[in-house]
Amino acid sequence: MNFKNLLLFGSFLASMQSFSQTAENRANKKIEIGTELQLYPVGFMPMITSNVFIKEDWALRFRIGGNFANRQDFSGYNDDEVAKGFGGSVGIVKYFPSWWKGKTFVGVTLDTWNMWTEWQDGIQTSNPTSGTTYNLVVQPWANVGYQYNISSKWNAGISVGFGREINVITRGEKVGEGWMGIATFSVNYVVK
């Protein structure tokens, strides 16, 4: 069941990207591919990214990757939570000229994550409980950052942002969700 969801989601992202690239090829617009590492207070997300420029200063952003969290007892539901999963996102980024060899930017993104959380509760009691919960997580977030042009083909960026994890489907006991801060580091290559 989960493999089918991954395949469906991957096909959707690939078709969106193919359509965008076909349109971009006709219009001769810029396309970047890259990697990204997002850090948040209890975890990290390594990503593969693609920025498809619809105008010189606007880009559609597509990402796929993993999400790894160790919430410990921060969730409010359990004494310990360790989560991992995969997902992707779509967003839009607006770039602004900068005074120094790069651009500032703002973006909004919607992530979707398939997460499996191993939890333990009542660890200090004589009757502890544990289990695994599946969540489909929707995570809207916004960020602001700076992108430095290393060369005409390479750039690197850093940003800070905030978002909210929302568990929209839960199979098992309740697990952590809520507001979060995000720091992002990225490297992109201009394909076209």
Protein backbone atom coordinates (compact mmCIF):
# COMPACT_ATOMS: atom_id res chain seq x y z
CA MET A 1 0.00 0.00 0.00
CA ASN A 2 2.73 2.50 0.94
CA PHE A 3 4.78 1.59 -2.14
CA LYS A 4 1.75 2.36 -4.31
CA ASN A 5 1.44 5.80 -2.69
CA LEU A 6 5.14 6.47 -3.26
CA LEU A 7 4.88 5.38 -6.89
CA LEU A 8 1.79 7.52 -7.46
CA PHE A 9 3.38 10.55 -5.79
CA GLY A 10 6.65 10.08 -7.72
CA SER A 11 4.76 9.77 -11.01
CA PHE A 12 2.84 12.94 -10.20
CA LEU A 13 6.05 14.88 -9.46
CA ALA A 14 7.77 13.50 -12.57
CA SER A 15 4.83 14.43 -14.80
CA MET A 16 4.68 17.94 -13.32
CA GLN A 17 8.40 18.34 -13.84
CA SER A 18 8.27 16.96 -17.40
CA PHE A 19 5.41 19.29 -18.29
CA SER A 20 7.26 22.25 -16.75
CA GLN A 21 10.49 21.35 -18.54
CA THR A 22 8.71 20.94 -21.88
CA ALA A 23 7.12 24.36 -21.48
CA GLU A 24 10.44 25.78 -20.34
CA ASN A 25 12.29 24.30 -23.32
CA ARG A 26 9.92 26.11 -25.65
CA ALA A 27 10.39 29.37 -23.77
CA ASN A 28 14.16 28.83 -23.21
CA LYS A 29 13.92 29.49 -19.46
CA LYS A 30 16.34 28.51 -16.71
CA ILE A 31 16.14 25.16 -14.87
CA GLU A 32 18.22 24.24 -11.80
CA ILE A 33 18.73 20.90 -10.08
CA GLY A 34 20.34 20.56 -6.69
CA THR A 35 20.54 19.14 -3.21
CA GLU A 36 19.26 20.59 0.00
CA LEU A 37 19.63 19.88 3.70
CA GLN A 38 16.97 21.16 6.05
CA LEU A 39 17.55 21.19 9.79
CA TYR A 40 14.85 21.65 12.40
CA PRO A 41 14.99 21.40 16.21
CA VAL A 42 14.44 17.61 16.36
CA GLY A 43 15.57 16.36 12.96
CA PHE A 44 16.81 16.80 9.42
CA MET A 45 15.60 16.40 5.82
CA PRO A 46 17.98 15.64 2.91
CA MET A 47 16.35 16.57 -0.41
CA ILE A 48 16.82 16.51 -4.18
CA THR A 49 15.46 19.72 -5.66
CA SER A 50 14.50 21.28 -8.97
CA ASN A 51 13.77 24.94 -9.63
CA VAL A 52 11.89 25.63 -12.85
CA PHE A 53 11.89 29.35 -13.62
CA ILE A 54 8.59 30.60 -14.97
CA LYS A 55 9.99 34.16 -15.15
CA GLU A 56 13.45 35.53 -14.56
CA ASP A 57 12.70 36.19 -10.88
CA TRP A 58 10.03 33.52 -10.16
CA ALA A 59 10.60 29.76 -9.88
CA LEU A 60 8.45 26.72 -9.22
CA ARG A 61 10.18 24.42 -6.76
CA PHE A 62 9.86 20.63 -6.66
CA ARG A 63 11.55 18.45 -4.03
CA ILE A 64 11.73 14.80 -2.96
CA GLY A 65 13.59 13.38 0.00
CA GLY A 66 13.63 11.91 3.48
CA ASN A 67 12.63 13.16 6.91
CA PHE A 68 14.33 11.90 10.08
CA ALA A 69 13.28 13.06 13.56
CA ASN A 70 14.16 12.23 17.15
CA ARG A 71 11.52 14.09 19.16
CA GLN A 72 12.46 12.41 22.46
CA ASP A 73 9.78 13.71 24.86
CA PHE A 74 9.09 17.02 23.05
CA SER A 75 5.91 15.79 21.33
CA GLY A 76 3.62 16.07 24.34
CA TYR A 77 2.08 12.67 23.58
CA ASN A 78 4.82 10.16 24.42
CA ASP A 79 8.02 9.85 26.44
CA ASP A 80 10.09 9.07 23.35
CA GLU A 81 9.45 9.33 19.60
CA VAL A 82 11.78 8.48 16.72
CA ALA A 83 10.34 9.06 13.24
CA LYS A 84 11.42 8.56 9.66
CA GLY A 85 9.79 8.77 6.29
CA PHE A 86 9.79 10.10 2.75
CA GLY A 87 7.91 12.70 0.80
CA GLY A 88 8.01 15.63 -1.53
CA SER A 89 6.90 19.17 -2.00
CA VAL A 90 5.89 21.86 -4.40
CA GLY A 91 6.41 25.57 -3.87
CA ILE A 92 7.09 28.94 -5.42
CA VAL A 93 10.10 31.22 -4.90
CA LYS A 94 10.47 34.94 -5.64
CA TYR A 95 14.03 36.28 -6.15
CA PHE A 96 15.18 39.86 -5.57
CA PRO A 97 18.42 41.53 -6.74
CA SER A 98 21.10 41.84 -4.07
CA TRP A 99 23.94 44.28 -3.61
CA TRP A 100 26.50 41.46 -3.56
CA LYS A 101 27.02 38.59 -6.05
CA GLY A 102 23.72 36.86 -5.52
CA LYS A 103 20.03 37.20 -4.79
CA THR A 104 17.75 37.32 -1.78
CA PHE A 105 14.57 35.26 -1.97
CA VAL A 106 11.30 34.42 -0.25
CA GLY A 107 9.34 31.23 -0.76
CA VAL A 108 6.28 29.29 0.27
CA THR A 109 6.18 25.50 0.08
CA LEU A 110 3.78 22.67 0.84
CA ASP A 111 5.42 19.41 1.91
CA THR A 112 3.72 16.02 2.18
CA TRP A 113 5.39 13.31 4.26
CA ASN A 114 4.73 9.61 4.84
CA MET A 115 6.09 9.13 8.36
CA TRP A 116 6.49 6.09 10.62
CA THR A 117 7.06 6.92 14.30
CA GLU A 118 8.31 4.43 16.85
CA TRP A 119 7.08 5.66 20.23
CA GLN A 120 7.43 4.66 23.87
CA ASP A 121 5.34 5.88 26.78
CA GLY A 122 5.51 5.29 30.51
CA ILE A 123 9.22 4.52 30.30
CA GLN A 124 9.75 5.24 34.02
CA THR A 125 6.77 3.12 35.09
CA SER A 126 6.37 -0.60 35.71
CA ASN A 127 4.04 -0.89 32.71
CA PRO A 128 5.61 0.90 29.70
CA THR A 129 3.91 0.82 26.30
CA SER A 130 5.35 1.15 22.80
CA GLY A 131 4.28 0.96 19.20
CA THR A 132 4.57 2.34 15.68
CA THR A 133 2.29 5.00 14.22
CA TYR A 134 1.91 5.88 10.55
CA ASN A 135 1.10 9.50 9.67
CA LEU A 136 0.44 11.34 6.46
CA VAL A 137 1.82 14.77 7.33
CA VAL A 138 1.08 18.02 5.51
CA GLN A 139 3.60 20.76 6.23
CA PRO A 140 3.06 24.28 4.88
CA TRP A 141 6.04 26.56 5.48
CA ALA A 142 7.63 29.83 4.37
CA ASN A 143 11.26 30.92 4.22
CA VAL A 144 13.56 33.82 3.41
CA GLY A 145 17.20 33.52 2.38
CA TYR A 146 20.20 34.45 0.30
CA GLN A 147 21.59 32.68 -2.77
CA TYR A 148 25.24 33.24 -3.68
CA ASN A 149 26.38 32.78 -7.29
CA ILE A 150 29.55 30.68 -7.20
CA SER A 151 29.79 30.73 -11.02
CA SER A 152 27.44 31.07 -13.98
CA LYS A 153 26.40 27.41 -13.44
CA TRP A 154 26.60 26.92 -9.66
CA ASN A 155 24.98 28.67 -6.69
CA ALA A 156 24.64 28.01 -2.98
CA GLY A 157 21.96 29.22 -0.62
CA ILE A 158 21.00 29.51 3.00
CA SER A 159 17.60 30.33 4.44
CA VAL A 160 15.52 30.35 7.60
CA GLY A 161 11.83 29.70 7.84
CA PHE A 162 8.92 28.46 9.86
CA GLY A 163 6.14 25.99 9.26
CA ARG A 164 3.64 23.68 10.84
CA GLU A 165 3.47 19.88 10.81
CA ILE A 166 -0.14 18.71 10.58
CA ASN A 167 -0.95 15.00 10.95
CA VAL A 168 -3.87 14.60 8.53
CA ILE A 169 -4.02 10.78 8.63
CA THR A 170 -3.00 8.81 11.74
CA ARG A 171 -2.91 5.04 12.02
CA GLY A 172 -1.97 4.25 15.61
CA GLU A 173 -1.44 6.35 18.71
CA LYS A 174 -1.16 10.13 18.42
CA VAL A 175 2.37 11.45 17.86
CA GLY A 176 4.01 14.86 17.69
CA GLU A 177 3.00 17.70 15.38
CA GLY A 178 3.06 21.48 15.61
CA TRP A 179 5.05 24.60 14.77
CA MET A 180 8.71 24.38 13.82
CA GLY A 181 11.64 26.52 12.75
CA ILE A 182 13.69 25.45 9.73
CA ALA A 183 17.24 26.25 8.52
CA THR A 184 18.07 25.27 4.94
CA PHE A 185 21.38 24.86 3.10
CA SER A 186 21.33 24.25 -0.66
CA VAL A 187 23.58 23.84 -3.71
CA ASN A 188 22.15 24.13 -7.24
CA TYR A 189 23.42 23.56 -10.75
CA VAL A 190 21.95 25.46 -13.71
CA VAL A 191 20.99 22.83 -16.29
CA LYS A 192 19.65 25.33 -18.78
